[in-house]
Each structure stands twice: as C-alpha cells, then as structure tokens.
C-alpha atoms as a PDB file:
ATOM      1  CA  UNK A   1     -36.879  14.977 -30.000  1.00  0.00           C
ATOM      2  CA  UNK A   2     -37.137  14.356 -33.720  1.00  0.00           C
ATOM      3  CA  UNK A   3     -36.919  10.572 -34.293  1.00  0.00           C
ATOM      4  CA  UNK A   4     -35.838  11.010 -37.862  1.00  0.00           C
ATOM      5  CA  UNK A   5     -37.311   9.204 -40.813  1.00  0.00           C
ATOM      6  CA  UNK A   6     -36.797   5.806 -42.388  1.00  0.00           C
ATOM      7  CA  UNK A   7     -38.662   3.161 -44.304  1.00  0.00           C
ATOM      8  CA  UNK A   8     -39.667   1.591 -40.975  1.00  0.00           C
ATOM      9  CA  UNK A   9     -40.867   4.849 -39.395  1.00  0.00           C
ATOM     10  CA  UNK A  10     -42.230   7.390 -41.892  1.00  0.00           C
ATOM     11  CA  UNK A  11     -43.403  10.604 -40.207  1.00  0.00           C
ATOM     12  CA  UNK A  12     -46.789  10.149 -38.569  1.00  0.00           C
ATOM     13  CA  UNK A  13     -46.572   6.347 -38.420  1.00  0.00           C
ATOM     14  CA  UNK A  14     -47.034   4.480 -35.091  1.00  0.00           C
ATOM     15  CA  UNK A  15     -43.342   3.553 -35.082  1.00  0.00           C
ATOM     16  CA  UNK A  16     -42.339   7.172 -35.684  1.00  0.00           C
ATOM     17  CA  UNK A  17     -44.412   8.282 -32.703  1.00  0.00           C
ATOM     18  CA  UNK A  18     -43.084   5.485 -30.514  1.00  0.00           C
ATOM     19  CA  UNK A  19     -39.522   6.555 -31.369  1.00  0.00           C
ATOM     20  CA  UNK A  20     -40.430  10.142 -30.545  1.00  0.00           C
ATOM     21  CA  UNK A  21     -41.110   8.984 -26.962  1.00  0.00           C
ATOM     22  CA  UNK A  22     -38.029   6.734 -26.760  1.00  0.00           C
ATOM     23  CA  UNK A  23     -35.076   7.895 -24.614  1.00  0.00           C
ATOM     24  CA  UNK A  24     -32.554   9.762 -26.824  1.00  0.00           C
ATOM     25  CA  UNK A  25     -29.692   7.435 -25.853  1.00  0.00           C
ATOM     26  CA  UNK A  26     -31.523   4.412 -27.269  1.00  0.00           C
ATOM     27  CA  UNK A  27     -33.556   5.989 -30.056  1.00  0.00           C
ATOM     28  CA  UNK A  28     -31.163   5.339 -32.906  1.00  0.00           C
ATOM     29  CA  UNK A  29     -30.469   1.710 -31.960  1.00  0.00           C
ATOM     30  CA  UNK A  30     -34.162   0.901 -31.519  1.00  0.00           C
ATOM     31  CA  UNK A  31     -35.012   2.696 -34.774  1.00  0.00           C
ATOM     32  CA  UNK A  32     -32.352   0.538 -36.416  1.00  0.00           C
ATOM     33  CA  UNK A  33     -34.059  -2.619 -35.134  1.00  0.00           C
ATOM     34  CA  UNK A  34     -37.341  -1.546 -36.718  1.00  0.00           C
ATOM     35  CA  UNK A  35     -35.448  -0.736 -39.884  1.00  0.00           C
ATOM     36  CA  UNK A  36     -33.842  -4.187 -40.025  1.00  0.00           C
ATOM     37  CA  UNK A  37     -37.267  -5.806 -39.861  1.00  0.00           C
ATOM     38  CA  UNK A  38     -38.648  -3.497 -42.582  1.00  0.00           C
ATOM     39  CA  UNK A  39     -35.727  -4.317 -44.851  1.00  0.00           C
ATOM     40  CA  UNK A  40     -36.169  -8.070 -44.326  1.00  0.00           C
ATOM     41  CA  UNK A  41     -39.859  -7.755 -45.074  1.00  0.00           C
ATOM     42  CA  UNK A  42     -39.184  -5.818 -48.236  1.00  0.00           C
ATOM     43  CA  UNK A  43     -36.721  -8.474 -49.322  1.00  0.00           C
ATOM     44  CA  UNK A  44     -39.672 -10.845 -49.593  1.00  0.00           C
ATOM     45  CA  UNK A  45     -42.407  -8.475 -50.717  1.00  0.00           C
ATOM     46  CA  UNK A  46     -40.695  -6.314 -53.325  1.00  0.00           C
ATOM     47  CA  UNK A  47     -39.340  -8.844 -55.841  1.00  0.00           C
ATOM     48  CA  UNK A  48     -41.743 -10.172 -58.440  1.00  0.00           C
ATOM     49  CA  UNK A  49     -39.955 -13.566 -58.577  1.00  0.00           C
ATOM     50  CA  UNK A  50     -39.836 -15.912 -55.530  1.00  0.00           C
ATOM     51  CA  UNK A  51     -36.286 -16.965 -56.504  1.00  0.00           C
ATOM     52  CA  UNK A  52     -35.107 -13.336 -56.131  1.00  0.00           C
ATOM     53  CA  UNK A  53     -36.826 -13.106 -52.750  1.00  0.00           C
ATOM     54  CA  UNK A  54     -35.115 -16.337 -51.633  1.00  0.00           C
ATOM     55  CA  UNK A  55     -31.747 -14.997 -52.772  1.00  0.00           C
ATOM     56  CA  UNK A  56     -32.252 -11.797 -50.770  1.00  0.00           C
ATOM     57  CA  UNK A  57     -33.203 -13.803 -47.675  1.00  0.00           C
ATOM     58  CA  UNK A  58     -30.055 -15.847 -48.048  1.00  0.00           C
ATOM     59  CA  UNK A  59     -28.091 -12.576 -48.168  1.00  0.00           C
ATOM     60  CA  UNK A  60     -29.762 -11.548 -44.890  1.00  0.00           C
ATOM     61  CA  UNK A  61     -28.886 -14.915 -43.281  1.00  0.00           C
ATOM     62  CA  UNK A  62     -25.219 -14.381 -44.234  1.00  0.00           C
ATOM     63  CA  UNK A  63     -25.355 -10.746 -43.042  1.00  0.00           C
ATOM     64  CA  UNK A  64     -26.794 -11.816 -39.714  1.00  0.00           C
ATOM     65  CA  UNK A  65     -24.009 -14.407 -39.313  1.00  0.00           C
ATOM     66  CA  UNK A  66     -21.564 -11.585 -39.984  1.00  0.00           C
ATOM     67  CA  UNK A  67     -23.300  -9.424 -37.379  1.00  0.00           C
ATOM     68  CA  UNK A  68     -22.861 -12.245 -34.851  1.00  0.00           C
ATOM     69  CA  UNK A  69     -19.163 -12.261 -35.637  1.00  0.00           C
ATOM     70  CA  UNK A  70     -18.888  -8.481 -35.285  1.00  0.00           C
ATOM     71  CA  UNK A  71     -18.681  -7.887 -39.056  1.00  0.00           C
ATOM     72  CA  UNK A  72     -22.082  -6.352 -39.924  1.00  0.00           C
ATOM     73  CA  UNK A  73     -22.206  -4.557 -43.303  1.00  0.00           C
ATOM     74  CA  UNK A  74     -25.838  -3.315 -43.458  1.00  0.00           C
ATOM     75  CA  UNK A  75     -26.010   0.240 -42.051  1.00  0.00           C
ATOM     76  CA  UNK A  76     -28.860  -0.575 -39.677  1.00  0.00           C
ATOM     77  CA  UNK A  77     -27.104  -3.594 -38.207  1.00  0.00           C
ATOM     78  CA  UNK A  78     -23.939  -1.603 -37.861  1.00  0.00           C
ATOM     79  CA  UNK A  79     -25.868   0.973 -35.843  1.00  0.00           C
ATOM     80  CA  UNK A  80     -27.157  -1.805 -33.573  1.00  0.00           C
ATOM     81  CA  UNK A  81     -23.620  -3.119 -33.220  1.00  0.00           C
ATOM     82  CA  UNK A  82     -22.257   0.330 -32.411  1.00  0.00           C
ATOM     83  CA  UNK A  83     -24.842   0.709 -29.624  1.00  0.00           C
ATOM     84  CA  UNK A  84     -23.318  -2.249 -27.748  1.00  0.00           C
ATOM     85  CA  UNK A  85     -26.493  -4.365 -27.818  1.00  0.00           C
ATOM     86  CA  UNK A  86     -24.884  -7.687 -28.682  1.00  0.00           C
ATOM     87  CA  UNK A  87     -26.203  -9.267 -25.486  1.00  0.00           C
ATOM     88  CA  UNK A  88     -29.722  -8.156 -26.334  1.00  0.00           C
ATOM     89  CA  UNK A  89     -29.779  -8.584 -30.110  1.00  0.00           C
ATOM     90  CA  UNK A  90     -28.719 -12.156 -30.796  1.00  0.00           C
ATOM     91  CA  UNK A  91     -28.329 -13.541 -34.366  1.00  0.00           C
ATOM     92  CA  UNK A  92     -30.861 -16.254 -33.658  1.00  0.00           C
ATOM     93  CA  UNK A  93     -33.474 -13.609 -32.868  1.00  0.00           C
ATOM     94  CA  UNK A  94     -32.901 -11.864 -36.181  1.00  0.00           C
ATOM     95  CA  UNK A  95     -33.084 -15.180 -37.995  1.00  0.00           C
ATOM     96  CA  UNK A  96     -36.548 -15.729 -36.502  1.00  0.00           C
ATOM     97  CA  UNK A  97     -37.653 -12.590 -38.344  1.00  0.00           C
ATOM     98  CA  UNK A  98     -36.078 -13.816 -41.592  1.00  0.00           C
ATOM     99  CA  UNK A  99     -37.856 -17.168 -41.246  1.00  0.00           C
ATOM    100  CA  UNK A 100     -41.178 -15.497 -40.466  1.00  0.00           C
ATOM    101  CA  UNK A 101     -41.128 -13.475 -43.687  1.00  0.00           C
ATOM    102  CA  UNK A 102     -39.725 -16.415 -45.661  1.00  0.00           C
ATOM    103  CA  UNK A 103     -42.904 -18.277 -44.792  1.00  0.00           C
ATOM    104  CA  UNK A 104     -44.869 -15.678 -46.800  1.00  0.00           C
ATOM    105  CA  UNK A 105     -43.484 -17.228 -49.965  1.00  0.00           C
ATOM    106  CA  UNK A 106     -45.706 -20.248 -49.407  1.00  0.00           C
ATOM    107  CA  UNK A 107     -49.104 -20.166 -51.118  1.00  0.00           C
ATOM    108  CA  UNK A 108     -50.929 -20.455 -47.778  1.00  0.00           C
ATOM    109  CA  UNK A 109     -48.506 -19.692 -44.951  1.00  0.00           C
ATOM    110  CA  UNK A 110     -50.917 -20.257 -42.039  1.00  0.00           C
ATOM    111  CA  UNK A 111     -53.246 -23.251 -41.993  1.00  0.00           C
ATOM    112  CA  UNK A 112     -54.528 -22.471 -38.494  1.00  0.00           C
ATOM    113  CA  UNK A 113     -54.623 -19.578 -36.066  1.00  0.00           C
ATOM    114  CA  UNK A 114     -51.847 -21.265 -34.057  1.00  0.00           C
ATOM    115  CA  UNK A 115     -49.575 -20.965 -37.131  1.00  0.00           C
ATOM    116  CA  UNK A 116     -50.560 -17.338 -37.620  1.00  0.00           C
ATOM    117  CA  UNK A 117     -49.828 -16.596 -33.964  1.00  0.00           C
ATOM    118  CA  UNK A 118     -46.369 -18.163 -34.409  1.00  0.00           C
ATOM    119  CA  UNK A 119     -45.815 -16.050 -37.522  1.00  0.00           C
ATOM    120  CA  UNK A 120     -46.795 -12.889 -35.546  1.00  0.00           C
ATOM    121  CA  UNK A 121     -44.539 -13.811 -32.640  1.00  0.00           C
ATOM    122  CA  UNK A 122     -41.588 -14.402 -35.010  1.00  0.00           C
ATOM    123  CA  UNK A 123     -42.205 -11.286 -37.109  1.00  0.00           C
ATOM    124  CA  UNK A 124     -43.309  -9.004 -34.212  1.00  0.00           C
ATOM    125  CA  UNK A 125     -42.857 -10.506 -30.786  1.00  0.00           C
ATOM    126  CA  UNK A 126     -39.147 -11.212 -31.261  1.00  0.00           C
ATOM    127  CA  UNK A 127     -38.601  -7.632 -32.404  1.00  0.00           C
ATOM    128  CA  UNK A 128     -40.241  -6.249 -29.311  1.00  0.00           C
ATOM    129  CA  UNK A 129     -38.281  -8.584 -27.053  1.00  0.00           C
ATOM    130  CA  UNK A 130     -35.120  -6.950 -28.437  1.00  0.00           C
ATOM    131  CA  UNK A 131     -36.582  -3.453 -28.078  1.00  0.00           C
ATOM    132  CA  UNK A 132     -37.561  -4.145 -24.457  1.00  0.00           C
ATOM    133  CA  UNK A 133     -34.103  -5.569 -23.755  1.00  0.00           C
ATOM    134  CA  UNK A 134     -32.464  -2.492 -25.278  1.00  0.00           C
ATOM    135  CA  UNK A 135     -34.519  -0.253 -22.965  1.00  0.00           C
ATOM    136  CA  UNK A 136     -33.339  -2.231 -19.944  1.00  0.00           C
ATOM    137  CA  UNK A 137     -34.858  -3.284 -16.605  1.00  0.00           C
ATOM    138  CA  UNK A 138     -35.552  -1.353 -13.425  1.00  0.00           C
ATOM    139  CA  UNK A 139     -35.347  -4.629 -11.489  1.00  0.00           C
ATOM    140  CA  UNK A 140     -33.711  -7.789 -12.849  1.00  0.00           C
ATOM    141  CA  UNK A 141     -36.347  -9.873 -11.049  1.00  0.00           C
ATOM    142  CA  UNK A 142     -38.873  -8.596 -13.593  1.00  0.00           C
ATOM    143  CA  UNK A 143     -37.035  -9.969 -16.611  1.00  0.00           C
ATOM    144  CA  UNK A 144     -39.410 -12.818 -17.338  1.00  0.00           C
ATOM    145  CA  UNK A 145     -42.503 -10.605 -16.997  1.00  0.00           C
ATOM    146  CA  UNK A 146     -40.944  -8.000 -19.365  1.00  0.00           C
ATOM    147  CA  UNK A 147     -40.171 -10.709 -21.949  1.00  0.00           C
ATOM    148  CA  UNK A 148     -43.768 -11.956 -21.825  1.00  0.00           C
ATOM    149  CA  UNK A 149     -45.040  -8.395 -22.086  1.00  0.00           C
ATOM    150  CA  UNK A 150     -42.875  -7.801 -25.173  1.00  0.00           C
ATOM    151  CA  UNK A 151     -43.956 -11.034 -26.833  1.00  0.00           C
ATOM    152  CA  UNK A 152     -47.632 -10.233 -26.417  1.00  0.00           C
ATOM    153  CA  UNK A 153     -47.153  -6.593 -27.487  1.00  0.00           C
ATOM    154  CA  UNK A 154     -45.317  -7.613 -30.657  1.00  0.00           C
ATOM    155  CA  UNK A 155     -47.928 -10.264 -31.498  1.00  0.00           C
ATOM    156  CA  UNK A 156     -50.798  -7.853 -30.957  1.00  0.00           C
ATOM    157  CA  UNK A 157     -49.140  -5.108 -32.968  1.00  0.00           C
ATOM    158  CA  UNK A 158     -48.473  -7.490 -35.832  1.00  0.00           C
ATOM    159  CA  UNK A 159     -52.098  -8.651 -35.859  1.00  0.00           C
ATOM    160  CA  UNK A 160     -53.214  -5.009 -36.128  1.00  0.00           C
ATOM    161  CA  UNK A 161     -50.796  -4.465 -38.998  1.00  0.00           C
ATOM    162  CA  UNK A 162     -52.227  -7.474 -40.783  1.00  0.00           C
ATOM    163  CA  UNK A 163     -55.781  -6.050 -40.427  1.00  0.00           C
ATOM    164  CA  UNK A 164     -54.641  -2.609 -41.586  1.00  0.00           C
ATOM    165  CA  UNK A 165     -52.921  -4.143 -44.647  1.00  0.00           C
ATOM    166  CA  UNK A 166     -55.594  -6.714 -45.360  1.00  0.00           C
ATOM    167  CA  UNK A 167     -56.722  -5.176 -48.646  1.00  0.00           C
ATOM    168  CA  UNK A 168     -53.142  -4.628 -49.903  1.00  0.00           C
ATOM    169  CA  UNK A 169     -52.013  -8.121 -48.873  1.00  0.00           C
ATOM    170  CA  UNK A 170     -54.881  -9.779 -50.719  1.00  0.00           C
ATOM    171  CA  UNK A 171     -54.253  -7.631 -53.806  1.00  0.00           C
ATOM    172  CA  UNK A 172     -50.586  -8.739 -53.734  1.00  0.00           C
ATOM    173  CA  UNK A 173     -51.571 -12.429 -53.379  1.00  0.00           C
ATOM    174  CA  UNK A 174     -50.519 -12.701 -49.712  1.00  0.00           C
ATOM    175  CA  UNK A 175     -53.126 -14.849 -47.951  1.00  0.00           C
ATOM    176  CA  UNK A 176     -52.126 -14.673 -44.297  1.00  0.00           C
ATOM    177  CA  UNK A 177     -55.516 -15.352 -42.691  1.00  0.00           C
ATOM    178  CA  UNK A 178     -55.831 -18.908 -41.276  1.00  0.00           C
ATOM    179  CA  UNK A 179     -56.996 -21.283 -44.001  1.00  0.00           C
ATOM    180  CA  UNK A 180     -59.289 -23.125 -41.580  1.00  0.00           C
ATOM    181  CA  UNK A 181     -61.142 -19.853 -40.822  1.00  0.00           C
ATOM    182  CA  UNK A 182     -61.549 -19.173 -44.575  1.00  0.00           C
ATOM    183  CA  UNK A 183     -62.865 -22.727 -45.156  1.00  0.00           C
ATOM    184  CA  UNK A 184     -65.175 -22.553 -42.126  1.00  0.00           C
ATOM    185  CA  UNK A 185     -66.808 -19.264 -43.201  1.00  0.00           C
ATOM    186  CA  UNK A 186     -66.586 -19.636 -46.948  1.00  0.00           C
ATOM    187  CA  UNK A 187     -65.015 -16.152 -47.062  1.00  0.00           C
ATOM    188  CA  UNK A 188     -64.124 -14.527 -50.389  1.00  0.00           C
ATOM    189  CA  UNK A 189     -60.738 -12.845 -49.916  1.00  0.00           C
ATOM    190  CA  UNK A 190     -61.581  -9.581 -51.651  1.00  0.00           C
ATOM    191  CA  UNK A 191     -63.009  -6.121 -51.170  1.00  0.00           C
ATOM    192  CA  UNK A 192     -65.732  -4.749 -53.503  1.00  0.00           C
ATOM    193  CA  UNK A 193     -64.921  -1.064 -53.527  1.00  0.00           C
ATOM    194  CA  UNK A 194     -64.811  -0.172 -49.847  1.00  0.00           C
ATOM    195  CA  UNK A 195     -67.034  -3.098 -48.858  1.00  0.00           C
ATOM    196  CA  UNK A 196     -65.603  -6.264 -47.367  1.00  0.00           C
ATOM    197  CA  UNK A 197     -67.147  -9.673 -47.945  1.00  0.00           C
ATOM    198  CA  UNK A 198     -69.368 -10.403 -44.875  1.00  0.00           C
ATOM    199  CA  UNK A 199     -67.742 -13.762 -44.257  1.00  0.00           C
ATOM    200  CA  UNK A 200     -64.313 -12.185 -44.575  1.00  0.00           C
ATOM    201  CA  UNK A 201     -65.454  -9.476 -42.158  1.00  0.00           C
ATOM    202  CA  UNK A 202     -66.259 -12.229 -39.657  1.00  0.00           C
ATOM    203  CA  UNK A 203     -62.671 -13.533 -39.950  1.00  0.00           C
ATOM    204  CA  UNK A 204     -61.316  -9.979 -39.538  1.00  0.00           C
ATOM    205  CA  UNK A 205     -63.553  -9.517 -36.456  1.00  0.00           C
ATOM    206  CA  UNK A 206     -62.101 -12.651 -34.983  1.00  0.00           C
ATOM    207  CA  UNK A 207     -58.564 -11.498 -35.725  1.00  0.00           C
ATOM    208  CA  UNK A 208     -59.328  -8.119 -34.147  1.00  0.00           C
ATOM    209  CA  UNK A 209     -60.451  -9.922 -31.013  1.00  0.00           C
ATOM    210  CA  UNK A 210     -57.142 -11.806 -30.851  1.00  0.00           C
ATOM    211  CA  UNK A 211     -55.245  -8.528 -31.302  1.00  0.00           C
ATOM    212  CA  UNK A 212     -57.152  -6.888 -28.427  1.00  0.00           C
ATOM    213  CA  UNK A 213     -56.455  -9.826 -26.154  1.00  0.00           C
ATOM    214  CA  UNK A 214     -52.733  -9.721 -26.957  1.00  0.00           C
ATOM    215  CA  UNK A 215     -52.475  -5.963 -26.390  1.00  0.00           C
ATOM    216  CA  UNK A 216     -54.467  -6.220 -23.128  1.00  0.00           C
ATOM    217  CA  UNK A 217     -52.230  -9.098 -22.033  1.00  0.00           C
ATOM    218  CA  UNK A 218     -49.132  -6.979 -22.653  1.00  0.00           C
ATOM    219  CA  UNK A 219     -50.537  -4.122 -20.574  1.00  0.00           C
ATOM    220  CA  UNK A 220     -51.341  -6.425 -17.662  1.00  0.00           C
ATOM    221  CA  UNK A 221     -48.057  -8.361 -17.777  1.00  0.00           C
ATOM    222  CA  UNK A 222     -45.760  -5.341 -17.463  1.00  0.00           C
ATOM    223  CA  UNK A 223     -44.824  -4.648 -13.789  1.00  0.00           C
ATOM    224  CA  UNK A 224     -45.447  -1.018 -12.718  1.00  0.00           C
ATOM    225  CA  UNK A 225     -41.737  -0.492 -11.939  1.00  0.00           C
ATOM    226  CA  UNK A 226     -40.842  -1.255 -15.546  1.00  0.00           C
ATOM    227  CA  UNK A 227     -43.449   1.016 -17.206  1.00  0.00           C
ATOM    228  CA  UNK A 228     -41.347   4.195 -17.327  1.00  0.00           C
ATOM    229  CA  UNK A 229     -38.467   2.379 -19.077  1.00  0.00           C
ATOM    230  CA  UNK A 230     -40.794   0.589 -21.501  1.00  0.00           C
ATOM    231  CA  UNK A 231     -42.508   3.772 -22.647  1.00  0.00           C
ATOM    232  CA  UNK A 232     -41.696   3.037 -26.305  1.00  0.00           C
ATOM    233  CA  UNK A 233     -43.800  -0.116 -26.352  1.00  0.00           C
ATOM    234  CA  UNK A 234     -46.574   1.359 -24.226  1.00  0.00           C
ATOM    235  CA  UNK A 235     -46.969   4.291 -26.617  1.00  0.00           C
ATOM    236  CA  UNK A 236     -47.009   1.858 -29.544  1.00  0.00           C
ATOM    237  CA  UNK A 237     -49.630  -0.332 -27.830  1.00  0.00           C
ATOM    238  CA  UNK A 238     -51.886   2.702 -27.229  1.00  0.00           C
ATOM    239  CA  UNK A 239     -51.596   3.736 -30.862  1.00  0.00           C
ATOM    240  CA  UNK A 240     -52.322   0.249 -32.186  1.00  0.00           C
ATOM    241  CA  UNK A 241     -55.315  -0.134 -29.837  1.00  0.00           C
ATOM    242  CA  UNK A 242     -56.761   3.117 -31.202  1.00  0.00           C
ATOM    243  CA  UNK A 243     -55.847   2.123 -34.753  1.00  0.00           C
ATOM    244  CA  UNK A 244     -57.692  -1.159 -34.241  1.00  0.00           C
ATOM    245  CA  UNK A 245     -60.819   0.533 -32.918  1.00  0.00           C
ATOM    246  CA  UNK A 246     -60.927   2.847 -35.925  1.00  0.00           C
ATOM    247  CA  UNK A 247     -60.324   0.056 -38.349  1.00  0.00           C
ATOM    248  CA  UNK A 248     -63.144  -1.974 -36.817  1.00  0.00           C
ATOM    249  CA  UNK A 249     -65.585   0.947 -37.084  1.00  0.00           C
ATOM    250  CA  UNK A 250     -64.672   1.493 -40.733  1.00  0.00           C
ATOM    251  CA  UNK A 251     -65.122  -2.126 -41.754  1.00  0.00           C
ATOM    252  CA  UNK A 252     -61.345  -2.680 -41.893  1.00  0.00           C
ATOM    253  CA  UNK A 253     -60.879  -0.007 -44.572  1.00  0.00           C
ATOM    254  CA  UNK A 254     -57.733   1.961 -43.532  1.00  0.00           C
ATOM    255  CA  UNK A 255     -58.802   5.142 -45.368  1.00  0.00           C
ATOM    256  CA  UNK A 256     -59.506   8.084 -43.066  1.00  0.00           C
ATOM    257  CA  UNK A 257     -57.782   6.787 -39.974  1.00  0.00           C
ATOM    258  CA  UNK A 258     -56.661   9.210 -37.200  1.00  0.00           C
ATOM    259  CA  UNK A 259     -54.508  12.178 -38.120  1.00  0.00           C
ATOM    260  CA  UNK A 260     -51.313  13.345 -36.485  1.00  0.00           C
ATOM    261  CA  UNK A 261     -52.882  15.441 -33.704  1.00  0.00           C
ATOM    262  CA  UNK A 262     -55.125  12.546 -32.670  1.00  0.00           C
ATOM    263  CA  UNK A 263     -52.122  10.247 -32.619  1.00  0.00           C
ATOM    264  CA  UNK A 264     -50.015  12.710 -30.664  1.00  0.00           C
ATOM    265  CA  UNK A 265     -52.673  13.032 -27.985  1.00  0.00           C
ATOM    266  CA  UNK A 266     -52.859   9.253 -27.689  1.00  0.00           C
ATOM    267  CA  UNK A 267     -49.065   8.993 -27.325  1.00  0.00           C
ATOM    268  CA  UNK A 268     -48.887  11.785 -24.753  1.00  0.00           C
ATOM    269  CA  UNK A 269     -51.488  10.155 -22.546  1.00  0.00           C
ATOM    270  CA  UNK A 270     -49.764   6.753 -22.789  1.00  0.00           C
ATOM    271  CA  UNK A 271     -46.332   8.288 -22.002  1.00  0.00           C
ATOM    272  CA  UNK A 272     -47.744  10.231 -19.045  1.00  0.00           C
ATOM    273  CA  UNK A 273     -49.366   7.082 -17.657  1.00  0.00           C
ATOM    274  CA  UNK A 274     -46.067   5.186 -18.046  1.00  0.00           C
ATOM    275  CA  UNK A 275     -44.137   7.894 -16.165  1.00  0.00           C
ATOM    276  CA  UNK A 276     -46.735   8.025 -13.372  1.00  0.00           C
ATOM    277  CA  UNK A 277     -46.422   4.238 -12.821  1.00  0.00           C
ATOM    278  CA  UNK A 278     -42.752   4.645 -11.826  1.00  0.00           C
END
C-alpha cells in the first residue's frame, strides 16, 4: 500500500496519506497530478528573479501543449498520459493551475476574497476535479454533483494550505490574503516570534471560516453512492479539517501539529465512513 514519495507527497503529509488510501490502479496517476501541481508551484516560488519564474511558466505552457498533442516530456505528465486519462486531464485544466501560480508574481495577487477564492479554485479546485474524474463515477447521473464536490474540496484544502504556510509566505514576500481585509483591519503581515498580530489573526480566523464552509460543502455535495470511489478526497478533507482545527488552536503556528499516528487514525475513520456509504 506504500504510496511512494515525491515532492508533492512527502511521507506523513496529507497528500501522502490520501494516496495511501487511493485504489492501487489509480495511485500513480493521481500522485502524478499532485506532482505536476507541485512542480508548477515551485517554478514560481523557487527562482529569485521574476523573469526566471516567467520563463519556467512559459516552459510549462509549452509542455502542456505537448501533453495535449500526446508528446509530454515531463515524467509526471508522461505518467498521466500512460494512465489513459486524456479525457479527464485536459490541457486547459492544467493551464488554469499555471495561471493561478503565475498570479503570485504580482505584488498583491488578491484584492478581494472573491479573487482569492478564484485563485484557490484554479490552484486547488481544478486539481481535485481531475482527481475525482480519474477515480470515476458509480452513476453518471452524479457527474455534476461530483464536480461541485471536487471544486469545493480543492478550494477548502487550498485555503488550509495558505493558513498553514502563512508565516512562510509572508517571509518570502507572498501576500495572498485579500488586500481589502488587510486595509479594513489594519493588519501587520508578520509574526513576532510565535505570536501573530491580533488584526492579522482576525483575517486568519475569517479565512479559516471560509475553509470550513468549503470543506463542509464538499462533504454535503458528494452523493452517498460516490463516496467509496472518492475515498482519496474524503481522506484528504478529513485530514485538512483536523489540520485546520489544530492550526486555529495554536494561533496559526504550524509547529507541533498532529503526528503520524494521529493522522493515520483520522484517515482510517474517513476511509471506513466512505466505504460504509456505498
């Protein structure tokens, strides 16, 4: 059952656990999708110069065009191609992810929460639409509901990731919180030691509320008949919900979050619940 390791799914990470509970026949292809997103994100975040990041994003756009023509070169995209998922993984979906991370190169990518929600959909919701499609449907009549479930799951997961990485993002000069929230509260985008600025904590609380709503929406949107097939996403949602609760209690300081046994128990319960629904 070992899901392997990659930049996108280091051992003990939520994605690693979700892959652990993914059907073996689809595990490699779904892991490759997470890997593609991680590589695109790194293309923006690793270079010190914006021009280098832009050049790397242009390479990804050309690579995605090649993938659409059946000529993928990147190992992760070749794995997706080999899995026969061309009907599920469309080039335009992958380009949404590229465009989402390209927006981080702006000084203030998100003026409003609506813009942040769009960023989260493009960087997370689109990914989970492809994952859900790769896992398939029990009943084709549920397709629209499964798509909506995946969109809300990906948005909620991405919001939790933003909260977990808040300190690191600010240190790296990435200001992804909505600018109107910052202006409204007068928040200072910094941590003093382990303490968060109270006004910034109010913004983080608000973001946590949006993440909970998105994850709860995902849970309610997924038809019972589809839950066993969509176990990957349900396990991930359970982990992110627990991650969010712990972050909130620790003032959005990620140090000391749940260990592997705690995470494994959370996954097992979510997977058992998914199987029981079918």
